[in-house]
């Protein structure tokens, strides 16, 4: 291991070097150090994976906003949903796609011009809400 003495005032026969401590440990202590090392490596892997996923989601969210801005301005909501499907890691694209899908489902049908819910449905839901104190 490392034969570095951490006690600078002791000139010879350093008893606080890492190699000396490793040789003096029993099998239980060595197993404990090995387990703690594996836990540290696992923690580092989890943190690196989380940072990578966060960066990928951030990049895809920015790309989704850039790609869908013109389609949103022009009112092409179906195209925005298809753009959101390409950006699977983006939380913004997921929320926008869910909202637009629900909006298009409740929008009046272009052939029959009948909404799938009656116009009084939001008012009935608001009336059933408990009053605020």
Protein backbone atom coordinates (compact mmCIF):
# COMPACT_ATOMS: atom_id res chain seq x y z
CA UNK A 1 0.00 0.00 0.00
CA UNK A 2 1.16 3.54 0.70
CA UNK A 3 4.11 3.77 3.05
CA UNK A 4 3.71 7.46 3.76
CA UNK A 5 4.15 8.59 7.31
CA UNK A 6 1.50 11.11 8.35
CA UNK A 7 3.39 12.04 11.49
CA UNK A 8 6.28 14.27 10.40
CA UNK A 9 7.99 14.61 13.79
CA UNK A 10 8.54 10.84 14.06
CA UNK A 11 11.83 10.11 12.30
CA UNK A 12 11.89 6.33 12.07
CA UNK A 13 9.62 3.32 12.37
CA UNK A 14 6.42 5.16 11.48
CA UNK A 15 3.43 3.30 12.91
CA UNK A 16 0.76 5.49 11.31
CA UNK A 17 1.42 4.69 7.65
CA UNK A 18 -1.45 3.23 5.64
CA UNK A 19 0.51 0.08 4.81
CA UNK A 20 1.34 -0.51 8.46
CA UNK A 21 -2.27 -0.03 9.50
CA UNK A 22 -3.46 -2.41 6.76
CA UNK A 23 -1.00 -5.10 7.91
CA UNK A 24 -2.09 -4.72 11.53
CA UNK A 25 -5.83 -5.01 10.74
CA UNK A 26 -7.69 -8.26 11.12
CA UNK A 27 -9.87 -9.79 8.46
CA UNK A 28 -12.97 -8.06 9.84
CA UNK A 29 -11.36 -4.61 9.61
CA UNK A 30 -10.12 -5.28 6.09
CA UNK A 31 -13.58 -6.45 5.08
CA UNK A 32 -15.05 -3.30 6.57
CA UNK A 33 -12.63 -1.10 4.60
CA UNK A 34 -13.38 -3.07 1.41
CA UNK A 35 -17.14 -2.69 1.94
CA UNK A 36 -16.81 1.06 2.59
CA UNK A 37 -14.71 1.38 -0.58
CA UNK A 38 -17.39 -0.39 -2.62
CA UNK A 39 -20.07 1.86 -1.12
CA UNK A 40 -18.01 4.94 -2.04
CA UNK A 41 -17.62 3.73 -5.63
CA UNK A 42 -21.35 3.00 -5.85
CA UNK A 43 -22.16 6.49 -4.55
CA UNK A 44 -19.85 8.08 -7.11
CA UNK A 45 -21.50 6.07 -9.91
CA UNK A 46 -24.99 7.13 -8.80
CA UNK A 47 -23.97 10.80 -8.61
CA UNK A 48 -22.29 10.72 -12.04
CA UNK A 49 -25.32 9.01 -13.60
CA UNK A 50 -27.65 11.58 -12.05
CA UNK A 51 -25.54 14.46 -13.33
CA UNK A 52 -25.47 12.92 -16.80
CA UNK A 53 -29.26 12.46 -16.85
CA UNK A 54 -29.81 15.99 -15.58
CA UNK A 55 -27.56 17.38 -18.32
CA UNK A 56 -29.27 15.32 -21.00
CA UNK A 57 -32.72 16.46 -19.83
CA UNK A 58 -31.56 20.06 -19.80
CA UNK A 59 -30.17 19.83 -23.34
CA UNK A 60 -33.32 18.14 -24.64
CA UNK A 61 -35.58 20.66 -22.91
CA UNK A 62 -33.74 23.53 -24.55
CA UNK A 63 -33.86 21.78 -27.93
CA UNK A 64 -37.61 21.12 -27.51
CA UNK A 65 -38.34 24.76 -26.70
CA UNK A 66 -36.28 25.87 -29.70
CA UNK A 67 -37.87 23.34 -32.08
CA UNK A 68 -41.47 23.85 -30.99
CA UNK A 69 -41.56 27.65 -30.72
CA UNK A 70 -42.57 28.26 -34.33
CA UNK A 71 -45.18 25.49 -34.30
CA UNK A 72 -46.73 26.88 -31.11
CA UNK A 73 -46.84 30.40 -32.58
CA UNK A 74 -48.62 29.09 -35.68
CA UNK A 75 -51.06 26.93 -33.67
CA UNK A 76 -49.90 23.59 -35.07
CA UNK A 77 -50.49 21.64 -31.87
CA UNK A 78 -50.25 18.18 -33.47
CA UNK A 79 -46.76 19.03 -34.69
CA UNK A 80 -45.76 20.17 -31.18
CA UNK A 81 -46.88 16.80 -29.80
CA UNK A 82 -44.81 14.97 -32.43
CA UNK A 83 -41.79 17.16 -31.60
CA UNK A 84 -42.28 16.33 -27.92
CA UNK A 85 -42.25 12.62 -28.75
CA UNK A 86 -38.74 13.02 -30.16
CA UNK A 87 -37.48 14.60 -26.92
CA UNK A 88 -38.21 11.75 -24.51
CA UNK A 89 -35.79 12.83 -21.77
CA UNK A 90 -37.13 16.38 -21.55
CA UNK A 91 -39.46 17.05 -18.64
CA UNK A 92 -40.77 20.17 -20.41
CA UNK A 93 -41.69 18.17 -23.52
CA UNK A 94 -43.47 15.55 -21.40
CA UNK A 95 -45.59 18.15 -19.60
CA UNK A 96 -46.40 20.10 -22.77
CA UNK A 97 -47.33 16.92 -24.65
CA UNK A 98 -49.62 15.76 -21.84
CA UNK A 99 -51.31 19.14 -21.65
CA UNK A 100 -51.79 19.46 -25.40
CA UNK A 101 -53.09 15.91 -25.65
CA UNK A 102 -55.70 16.63 -22.98
CA UNK A 103 -56.57 19.94 -24.64
CA UNK A 104 -57.02 18.33 -28.05
CA UNK A 105 -59.15 15.59 -26.52
CA UNK A 106 -61.50 18.17 -24.98
CA UNK A 107 -61.53 20.45 -28.03
CA UNK A 108 -64.66 20.29 -30.20
CA UNK A 109 -64.45 17.79 -33.02
CA UNK A 110 -63.95 19.46 -36.38
CA UNK A 111 -66.61 17.26 -38.05
CA UNK A 112 -69.45 17.35 -35.54
CA UNK A 113 -68.43 20.48 -33.60
CA UNK A 114 -69.51 18.76 -30.37
CA UNK A 115 -67.14 18.81 -27.41
CA UNK A 116 -66.52 15.52 -25.67
CA UNK A 117 -67.48 17.16 -22.34
CA UNK A 118 -70.44 19.46 -21.80
CA UNK A 119 -69.56 23.16 -21.44
CA UNK A 120 -70.86 23.19 -17.87
CA UNK A 121 -68.45 20.44 -16.70
CA UNK A 122 -65.77 22.82 -15.33
CA UNK A 123 -68.39 24.82 -13.44
CA UNK A 124 -69.84 21.68 -11.89
CA UNK A 125 -66.37 20.57 -10.80
CA UNK A 126 -65.70 23.99 -9.30
CA UNK A 127 -69.00 23.91 -7.40
CA UNK A 128 -68.12 20.54 -5.84
CA UNK A 129 -64.82 21.87 -4.43
CA UNK A 130 -64.76 22.50 -0.69
CA UNK A 131 -64.72 26.19 0.26
CA UNK A 132 -61.46 27.78 1.34
CA UNK A 133 -61.12 29.00 4.91
